[in-house]
Amino acid sequence: MSVLLIISTLLYLTDLRLHQATTQAYQQVQVAQKLLVQSQLQTTKAKGGKIEVQITDRAGHKITIELRKD
């Protein structure tokens, strides 16, 4: 095997691992955000008020969710 092929393969594998780690971290952030919203909702229900939660999606867009006690 040529040196360039070996280097190219190593770079590809490094990029693949980085992509997998980034995807896993993003999924963990999503789970944490959902847990935060659920926790805040429980707190709001206990207090009888409403809260507003802002979440930034993967593309960087801010999403605002208003939670109220029904």
Protein backbone atom coordinates (compact mmCIF):
# COMPACT_ATOMS: atom_id res chain seq x y z
CA MET A 1 0.00 0.00 0.00
CA SER A 2 1.20 3.45 -0.72
CA VAL A 3 1.74 5.98 2.03
CA LEU A 4 -0.94 8.25 0.55
CA LEU A 5 -3.50 5.45 0.63
CA ILE A 6 -2.68 4.69 4.27
CA ILE A 7 -2.95 8.37 5.23
CA SER A 8 -6.20 8.74 3.29
CA THR A 9 -7.67 5.68 5.03
CA LEU A 10 -6.64 6.98 8.46
CA LEU A 11 -8.18 10.38 7.73
CA TYR A 12 -11.40 8.74 6.57
CA LEU A 13 -11.63 6.62 9.72
CA THR A 14 -10.91 9.67 11.89
CA ASP A 15 -13.62 11.64 10.09
CA LEU A 16 -16.06 8.76 10.48
CA ARG A 17 -15.41 8.54 14.23
CA LEU A 18 -15.77 12.30 14.59
CA HIS A 19 -19.08 12.20 12.74
CA GLN A 20 -20.34 9.36 14.94
CA ALA A 21 -19.27 11.18 18.11
CA THR A 22 -20.93 14.40 16.95
CA THR A 23 -24.16 12.57 16.10
CA GLN A 24 -24.17 10.83 19.48
CA ALA A 25 -23.53 14.11 21.31
CA TYR A 26 -26.37 15.80 19.39
CA GLN A 27 -28.75 12.98 20.32
CA GLN A 28 -27.73 13.29 23.98
CA VAL A 29 -28.39 17.04 23.87
CA GLN A 30 -31.86 16.38 22.43
CA VAL A 31 -32.63 13.94 25.24
CA ALA A 32 -31.36 16.43 27.83
CA GLN A 33 -33.51 19.20 26.33
CA LYS A 34 -36.61 16.98 26.45
CA LEU A 35 -35.89 16.09 30.07
CA LEU A 36 -35.44 19.78 30.89
CA VAL A 37 -38.76 20.66 29.27
CA GLN A 38 -40.51 17.85 31.16
CA SER A 39 -38.96 18.99 34.43
CA GLN A 40 -39.95 22.60 33.82
CA LEU A 41 -43.46 21.50 32.89
CA GLN A 42 -43.81 19.61 36.18
CA THR A 43 -42.56 22.65 38.09
CA THR A 44 -44.99 24.91 36.22
CA LYS A 45 -47.93 22.61 36.89
CA ALA A 46 -47.05 22.60 40.56
CA LYS A 47 -46.94 26.41 40.60
CA GLY A 48 -50.00 26.87 38.37
CA GLY A 49 -48.23 29.20 35.92
CA LYS A 50 -46.65 29.01 32.52
CA ILE A 51 -43.11 28.90 31.20
CA GLU A 52 -41.43 29.58 27.90
CA VAL A 53 -38.60 27.37 26.71
CA GLN A 54 -36.22 28.21 23.88
CA ILE A 55 -34.42 25.39 22.11
CA THR A 56 -31.92 25.73 19.26
CA ASP A 57 -32.25 23.03 16.62
CA ARG A 58 -29.39 21.45 14.69
CA ALA A 59 -29.52 24.12 11.96
CA GLY A 60 -29.24 26.90 14.55
CA HIS A 61 -32.88 27.99 14.43
CA LYS A 62 -34.39 29.01 17.75
CA ILE A 63 -37.64 27.29 18.64
CA THR A 64 -39.82 28.78 21.37
CA ILE A 65 -42.25 26.55 23.23
CA GLU A 66 -44.77 27.95 25.66
CA LEU A 67 -46.03 25.52 28.27
CA ARG A 68 -49.14 26.29 30.26
CA LYS A 69 -51.17 24.47 32.81
CA ASP A 70 -54.49 23.45 31.29
